[in-house]
């Protein structure tokens, strides 16, 4: 059971993983639209801001494609094995399936939209409220799970192990997060 939860890529990869992963990402985007939950960064989940549907779809596309490109290039550079783009794309898409949970949780935990003009005192009140803290902690757990899945997707699809794989993954993930914030911030 542990392998299925943290490393399903031993059993599912390539096109099959890509189809399942894209379906899950689409479902998370649609659910996010209705629950007002955005994934506005590779490692982010926020709720409370209404946007057009295409924003949610754009979030999903950017959050998935940046790590695919970065980890594929890193795999080609650092791995002695033959790396297939379909394996990297599929396993990283499948790793994002756990973001369905924060999207669903958005129905329960409402966080006020940050773009409403309010005083600093008013802005701090929602940040300290119970639902905001619970949503944040819950989302953090799923983001940690997704990162573990992404690491296993990367090491499996690029055939990298050990400290070298850890450093490449950490740097690639940080670059992906920074670029996603820049790209999504520019678009929106």
C-alpha atoms as a PDB file:
ATOM      1  CA  UNK A   1       0.000   0.000   0.000  1.00  0.00           C
ATOM      2  CA  UNK A   2       2.864   2.380   0.828  1.00  0.00           C
ATOM      3  CA  UNK A   3       4.253   2.013  -2.711  1.00  0.00           C
ATOM      4  CA  UNK A   4       0.895   2.910  -4.215  1.00  0.00           C
ATOM      5  CA  UNK A   5       0.624   6.009  -2.003  1.00  0.00           C
ATOM      6  CA  UNK A   6       4.168   7.322  -2.487  1.00  0.00           C
ATOM      7  CA  UNK A   7       5.594   5.612  -5.569  1.00  0.00           C
ATOM      8  CA  UNK A   8       2.891   4.383  -7.943  1.00  0.00           C
ATOM      9  CA  UNK A   9       5.346   5.057 -10.775  1.00  0.00           C
ATOM     10  CA  UNK A  10       6.755   1.584 -10.348  1.00  0.00           C
ATOM     11  CA  UNK A  11       3.434   0.370 -11.785  1.00  0.00           C
ATOM     12  CA  UNK A  12       2.085   3.292 -13.826  1.00  0.00           C
ATOM     13  CA  UNK A  13       4.162   5.520 -16.105  1.00  0.00           C
ATOM     14  CA  UNK A  14       4.219   6.981 -19.584  1.00  0.00           C
ATOM     15  CA  UNK A  15       0.987   7.582 -21.457  1.00  0.00           C
ATOM     16  CA  UNK A  16      -1.241   5.871 -18.880  1.00  0.00           C
ATOM     17  CA  UNK A  17       0.161   8.059 -16.060  1.00  0.00           C
ATOM     18  CA  UNK A  18      -0.181  11.140 -18.265  1.00  0.00           C
ATOM     19  CA  UNK A  19      -3.859  10.467 -19.019  1.00  0.00           C
ATOM     20  CA  UNK A  20      -4.726   9.768 -15.372  1.00  0.00           C
ATOM     21  CA  UNK A  21      -2.681  12.746 -14.178  1.00  0.00           C
ATOM     22  CA  UNK A  22      -4.164  15.193 -16.694  1.00  0.00           C
ATOM     23  CA  UNK A  23      -7.671  14.003 -15.806  1.00  0.00           C
ATOM     24  CA  UNK A  24      -6.944  14.561 -12.101  1.00  0.00           C
ATOM     25  CA  UNK A  25      -5.457  18.000 -12.797  1.00  0.00           C
ATOM     26  CA  UNK A  26      -8.517  18.930 -14.875  1.00  0.00           C
ATOM     27  CA  UNK A  27     -10.813  17.700 -12.105  1.00  0.00           C
ATOM     28  CA  UNK A  28      -8.852  19.709  -9.503  1.00  0.00           C
ATOM     29  CA  UNK A  29      -9.112  22.824 -11.706  1.00  0.00           C
ATOM     30  CA  UNK A  30     -12.882  22.411 -12.155  1.00  0.00           C
ATOM     31  CA  UNK A  31     -13.429  21.697  -8.463  1.00  0.00           C
ATOM     32  CA  UNK A  32     -11.099  24.601  -7.642  1.00  0.00           C
ATOM     33  CA  UNK A  33     -13.222  26.888  -9.816  1.00  0.00           C
ATOM     34  CA  UNK A  34     -16.326  26.057  -7.804  1.00  0.00           C
ATOM     35  CA  UNK A  35     -14.579  26.027  -4.406  1.00  0.00           C
ATOM     36  CA  UNK A  36     -12.530  29.138  -5.287  1.00  0.00           C
ATOM     37  CA  UNK A  37      -9.274  27.243  -4.705  1.00  0.00           C
ATOM     38  CA  UNK A  38      -6.272  28.325  -6.772  1.00  0.00           C
ATOM     39  CA  UNK A  39      -3.031  26.435  -7.331  1.00  0.00           C
ATOM     40  CA  UNK A  40      -1.117  29.574  -8.211  1.00  0.00           C
ATOM     41  CA  UNK A  41       2.356  28.076  -7.983  1.00  0.00           C
ATOM     42  CA  UNK A  42       3.914  24.631  -8.243  1.00  0.00           C
ATOM     43  CA  UNK A  43       3.700  24.292  -4.437  1.00  0.00           C
ATOM     44  CA  UNK A  44       0.707  26.523  -3.653  1.00  0.00           C
ATOM     45  CA  UNK A  45      -2.954  26.194  -2.754  1.00  0.00           C
ATOM     46  CA  UNK A  46      -5.082  29.205  -1.812  1.00  0.00           C
ATOM     47  CA  UNK A  47      -8.820  29.636  -1.487  1.00  0.00           C
ATOM     48  CA  UNK A  48     -11.256  32.533  -1.418  1.00  0.00           C
ATOM     49  CA  UNK A  49     -10.685  34.367  -4.701  1.00  0.00           C
ATOM     50  CA  UNK A  50     -13.134  34.034  -7.599  1.00  0.00           C
ATOM     51  CA  UNK A  51     -11.650  33.984 -11.105  1.00  0.00           C
ATOM     52  CA  UNK A  52     -12.681  32.912 -14.593  1.00  0.00           C
ATOM     53  CA  UNK A  53     -12.355  29.196 -15.315  1.00  0.00           C
ATOM     54  CA  UNK A  54      -9.379  29.672 -17.627  1.00  0.00           C
ATOM     55  CA  UNK A  55      -7.287  30.963 -14.669  1.00  0.00           C
ATOM     56  CA  UNK A  56      -7.666  27.606 -12.926  1.00  0.00           C
ATOM     57  CA  UNK A  57      -6.792  25.722 -16.103  1.00  0.00           C
ATOM     58  CA  UNK A  58      -3.783  27.995 -16.676  1.00  0.00           C
ATOM     59  CA  UNK A  59      -2.622  27.376 -13.087  1.00  0.00           C
ATOM     60  CA  UNK A  60      -2.705  23.625 -13.691  1.00  0.00           C
ATOM     61  CA  UNK A  61      -0.886  23.843 -17.019  1.00  0.00           C
ATOM     62  CA  UNK A  62       1.908  26.076 -15.702  1.00  0.00           C
ATOM     63  CA  UNK A  63       2.285  24.154 -12.411  1.00  0.00           C
ATOM     64  CA  UNK A  64       2.715  20.888 -14.287  1.00  0.00           C
ATOM     65  CA  UNK A  65       4.645  21.912 -17.405  1.00  0.00           C
ATOM     66  CA  UNK A  66       7.441  23.873 -15.707  1.00  0.00           C
ATOM     67  CA  UNK A  67       8.674  20.924 -13.603  1.00  0.00           C
ATOM     68  CA  UNK A  68       8.309  18.650 -16.634  1.00  0.00           C
ATOM     69  CA  UNK A  69      10.598  20.822 -18.733  1.00  0.00           C
ATOM     70  CA  UNK A  70      13.100  21.460 -15.932  1.00  0.00           C
ATOM     71  CA  UNK A  71      13.293  17.840 -14.740  1.00  0.00           C
ATOM     72  CA  UNK A  72      13.435  16.491 -18.284  1.00  0.00           C
ATOM     73  CA  UNK A  73      16.391  18.745 -19.100  1.00  0.00           C
ATOM     74  CA  UNK A  74      18.052  17.856 -15.787  1.00  0.00           C
ATOM     75  CA  UNK A  75      17.508  14.156 -16.468  1.00  0.00           C
ATOM     76  CA  UNK A  76      19.030  14.457 -19.927  1.00  0.00           C
ATOM     77  CA  UNK A  77      22.056  16.252 -18.476  1.00  0.00           C
ATOM     78  CA  UNK A  78      22.682  14.231 -15.314  1.00  0.00           C
ATOM     79  CA  UNK A  79      21.394  10.726 -16.034  1.00  0.00           C
ATOM     80  CA  UNK A  80      23.355   8.111 -17.921  1.00  0.00           C
ATOM     81  CA  UNK A  81      20.083   6.439 -18.926  1.00  0.00           C
ATOM     82  CA  UNK A  82      17.844   7.224 -21.835  1.00  0.00           C
ATOM     83  CA  UNK A  83      15.161   9.636 -20.621  1.00  0.00           C
ATOM     84  CA  UNK A  84      11.736   9.721 -22.269  1.00  0.00           C
ATOM     85  CA  UNK A  85       9.723  12.939 -22.136  1.00  0.00           C
ATOM     86  CA  UNK A  86       6.465  10.957 -21.915  1.00  0.00           C
ATOM     87  CA  UNK A  87       7.686   9.260 -18.708  1.00  0.00           C
ATOM     88  CA  UNK A  88       8.685  12.541 -17.065  1.00  0.00           C
ATOM     89  CA  UNK A  89       5.460  14.256 -18.181  1.00  0.00           C
ATOM     90  CA  UNK A  90       3.252  11.320 -17.172  1.00  0.00           C
ATOM     91  CA  UNK A  91       4.730  10.665 -13.755  1.00  0.00           C
ATOM     92  CA  UNK A  92       4.778  14.366 -12.836  1.00  0.00           C
ATOM     93  CA  UNK A  93       1.145  14.723 -13.957  1.00  0.00           C
ATOM     94  CA  UNK A  94       0.157  11.738 -11.843  1.00  0.00           C
ATOM     95  CA  UNK A  95       2.039  13.199  -8.854  1.00  0.00           C
ATOM     96  CA  UNK A  96      -0.349  16.175  -8.867  1.00  0.00           C
ATOM     97  CA  UNK A  97      -3.484  14.048  -8.291  1.00  0.00           C
ATOM     98  CA  UNK A  98      -3.373  14.741  -4.532  1.00  0.00           C
ATOM     99  CA  UNK A  99      -4.240  18.392  -5.199  1.00  0.00           C
ATOM    100  CA  UNK A 100      -7.816  17.194  -5.572  1.00  0.00           C
ATOM    101  CA  UNK A 101      -8.020  17.186  -1.759  1.00  0.00           C
ATOM    102  CA  UNK A 102      -7.230  20.898  -1.183  1.00  0.00           C
ATOM    103  CA  UNK A 103      -9.617  21.745  -4.052  1.00  0.00           C
ATOM    104  CA  UNK A 104     -12.390  19.858  -2.253  1.00  0.00           C
ATOM    105  CA  UNK A 105     -11.381  21.344   1.106  1.00  0.00           C
ATOM    106  CA  UNK A 106     -11.931  24.793  -0.414  1.00  0.00           C
ATOM    107  CA  UNK A 107     -15.685  24.170  -0.127  1.00  0.00           C
ATOM    108  CA  UNK A 108     -15.337  23.847   3.640  1.00  0.00           C
ATOM    109  CA  UNK A 109     -12.685  26.445   4.476  1.00  0.00           C
ATOM    110  CA  UNK A 110     -13.282  29.919   3.131  1.00  0.00           C
ATOM    111  CA  UNK A 111     -10.428  32.440   3.095  1.00  0.00           C
ATOM    112  CA  UNK A 112     -11.365  36.017   2.111  1.00  0.00           C
ATOM    113  CA  UNK A 113     -10.028  37.298  -1.193  1.00  0.00           C
ATOM    114  CA  UNK A 114      -6.780  39.249  -0.747  1.00  0.00           C
ATOM    115  CA  UNK A 115      -7.653  41.871  -3.384  1.00  0.00           C
ATOM    116  CA  UNK A 116     -10.365  43.574  -1.349  1.00  0.00           C
ATOM    117  CA  UNK A 117      -9.166  46.922   0.082  1.00  0.00           C
ATOM    118  CA  UNK A 118      -9.064  46.628   3.877  1.00  0.00           C
ATOM    119  CA  UNK A 119      -6.941  47.965   6.721  1.00  0.00           C
ATOM    120  CA  UNK A 120      -3.853  46.121   7.952  1.00  0.00           C
ATOM    121  CA  UNK A 121      -5.734  45.169  11.122  1.00  0.00           C
ATOM    122  CA  UNK A 122      -8.560  43.654   9.075  1.00  0.00           C
ATOM    123  CA  UNK A 123      -6.068  41.792   6.876  1.00  0.00           C
ATOM    124  CA  UNK A 124      -4.491  40.138   9.909  1.00  0.00           C
ATOM    125  CA  UNK A 125      -7.809  38.936  11.339  1.00  0.00           C
ATOM    126  CA  UNK A 126      -8.541  36.365   8.595  1.00  0.00           C
ATOM    127  CA  UNK A 127      -4.955  35.121   8.726  1.00  0.00           C
ATOM    128  CA  UNK A 128      -5.442  34.169  12.359  1.00  0.00           C
ATOM    129  CA  UNK A 129      -8.883  32.591  12.029  1.00  0.00           C
ATOM    130  CA  UNK A 130      -9.407  28.900  12.635  1.00  0.00           C
ATOM    131  CA  UNK A 131     -10.617  27.952   9.136  1.00  0.00           C
ATOM    132  CA  UNK A 132      -7.650  29.695   7.500  1.00  0.00           C
ATOM    133  CA  UNK A 133      -5.169  27.900   9.761  1.00  0.00           C
ATOM    134  CA  UNK A 134      -6.861  24.529   9.256  1.00  0.00           C
ATOM    135  CA  UNK A 135      -6.977  24.976   5.459  1.00  0.00           C
ATOM    136  CA  UNK A 136      -3.321  26.029   5.458  1.00  0.00           C
ATOM    137  CA  UNK A 137      -2.192  23.039   7.504  1.00  0.00           C
ATOM    138  CA  UNK A 138      -4.340  20.630   5.525  1.00  0.00           C
ATOM    139  CA  UNK A 139      -3.040  22.013   2.234  1.00  0.00           C
ATOM    140  CA  UNK A 140       0.534  21.806   3.536  1.00  0.00           C
ATOM    141  CA  UNK A 141       0.100  18.085   4.204  1.00  0.00           C
ATOM    142  CA  UNK A 142      -1.083  17.484   0.648  1.00  0.00           C
ATOM    143  CA  UNK A 143       1.673  19.642  -0.819  1.00  0.00           C
ATOM    144  CA  UNK A 144       4.249  17.604   1.156  1.00  0.00           C
ATOM    145  CA  UNK A 145       2.683  14.399  -0.168  1.00  0.00           C
ATOM    146  CA  UNK A 146       2.763  15.820  -3.704  1.00  0.00           C
ATOM    147  CA  UNK A 147       6.449  16.762  -3.326  1.00  0.00           C
ATOM    148  CA  UNK A 148       7.236  13.199  -2.194  1.00  0.00           C
ATOM    149  CA  UNK A 149       5.372  11.904  -5.244  1.00  0.00           C
ATOM    150  CA  UNK A 150       7.181  14.370  -7.511  1.00  0.00           C
ATOM    151  CA  UNK A 151      10.555  13.279  -6.125  1.00  0.00           C
ATOM    152  CA  UNK A 152       9.738   9.625  -6.760  1.00  0.00           C
ATOM    153  CA  UNK A 153       8.399  10.508 -10.220  1.00  0.00           C
ATOM    154  CA  UNK A 154      11.633  12.346 -11.008  1.00  0.00           C
ATOM    155  CA  UNK A 155      13.985   9.645  -9.716  1.00  0.00           C
ATOM    156  CA  UNK A 156      12.010   6.877 -11.421  1.00  0.00           C
ATOM    157  CA  UNK A 157      11.576   8.546 -14.803  1.00  0.00           C
ATOM    158  CA  UNK A 158      15.128   9.948 -14.912  1.00  0.00           C
ATOM    159  CA  UNK A 159      16.811   6.955 -13.253  1.00  0.00           C
ATOM    160  CA  UNK A 160      18.681   9.047 -10.690  1.00  0.00           C
ATOM    161  CA  UNK A 161      19.432   8.114  -7.087  1.00  0.00           C
ATOM    162  CA  UNK A 162      21.144   9.310  -3.933  1.00  0.00           C
ATOM    163  CA  UNK A 163      22.381  12.741  -2.976  1.00  0.00           C
ATOM    164  CA  UNK A 164      22.807  13.812  -6.575  1.00  0.00           C
ATOM    165  CA  UNK A 165      19.117  13.179  -7.255  1.00  0.00           C
ATOM    166  CA  UNK A 166      18.094  15.064  -4.097  1.00  0.00           C
ATOM    167  CA  UNK A 167      20.084  18.186  -5.019  1.00  0.00           C
ATOM    168  CA  UNK A 168      18.923  18.182  -8.629  1.00  0.00           C
ATOM    169  CA  UNK A 169      15.327  17.755  -7.478  1.00  0.00           C
ATOM    170  CA  UNK A 170      15.491  20.510  -4.847  1.00  0.00           C
ATOM    171  CA  UNK A 171      17.061  23.003  -7.253  1.00  0.00           C
ATOM    172  CA  UNK A 172      14.643  22.049 -10.043  1.00  0.00           C
ATOM    173  CA  UNK A 173      11.643  22.360  -7.733  1.00  0.00           C
ATOM    174  CA  UNK A 174      12.747  25.779  -6.448  1.00  0.00           C
ATOM    175  CA  UNK A 175      13.341  27.037  -9.983  1.00  0.00           C
ATOM    176  CA  UNK A 176       9.915  25.686 -11.007  1.00  0.00           C
ATOM    177  CA  UNK A 177       8.197  27.418  -8.073  1.00  0.00           C
ATOM    178  CA  UNK A 178       9.915  30.754  -8.743  1.00  0.00           C
ATOM    179  CA  UNK A 179       9.174  30.622 -12.470  1.00  0.00           C
ATOM    180  CA  UNK A 180       5.549  29.619 -11.846  1.00  0.00           C
ATOM    181  CA  UNK A 181       5.067  32.622  -9.547  1.00  0.00           C
ATOM    182  CA  UNK A 182       6.609  34.938 -12.132  1.00  0.00           C
ATOM    183  CA  UNK A 183       4.613  33.505 -15.049  1.00  0.00           C
ATOM    184  CA  UNK A 184       1.282  33.290 -13.225  1.00  0.00           C
ATOM    185  CA  UNK A 185       1.837  36.706 -11.648  1.00  0.00           C
ATOM    186  CA  UNK A 186       2.504  38.200 -15.073  1.00  0.00           C
ATOM    187  CA  UNK A 187      -0.537  36.544 -16.644  1.00  0.00           C
ATOM    188  CA  UNK A 188      -2.933  37.484 -13.861  1.00  0.00           C
END
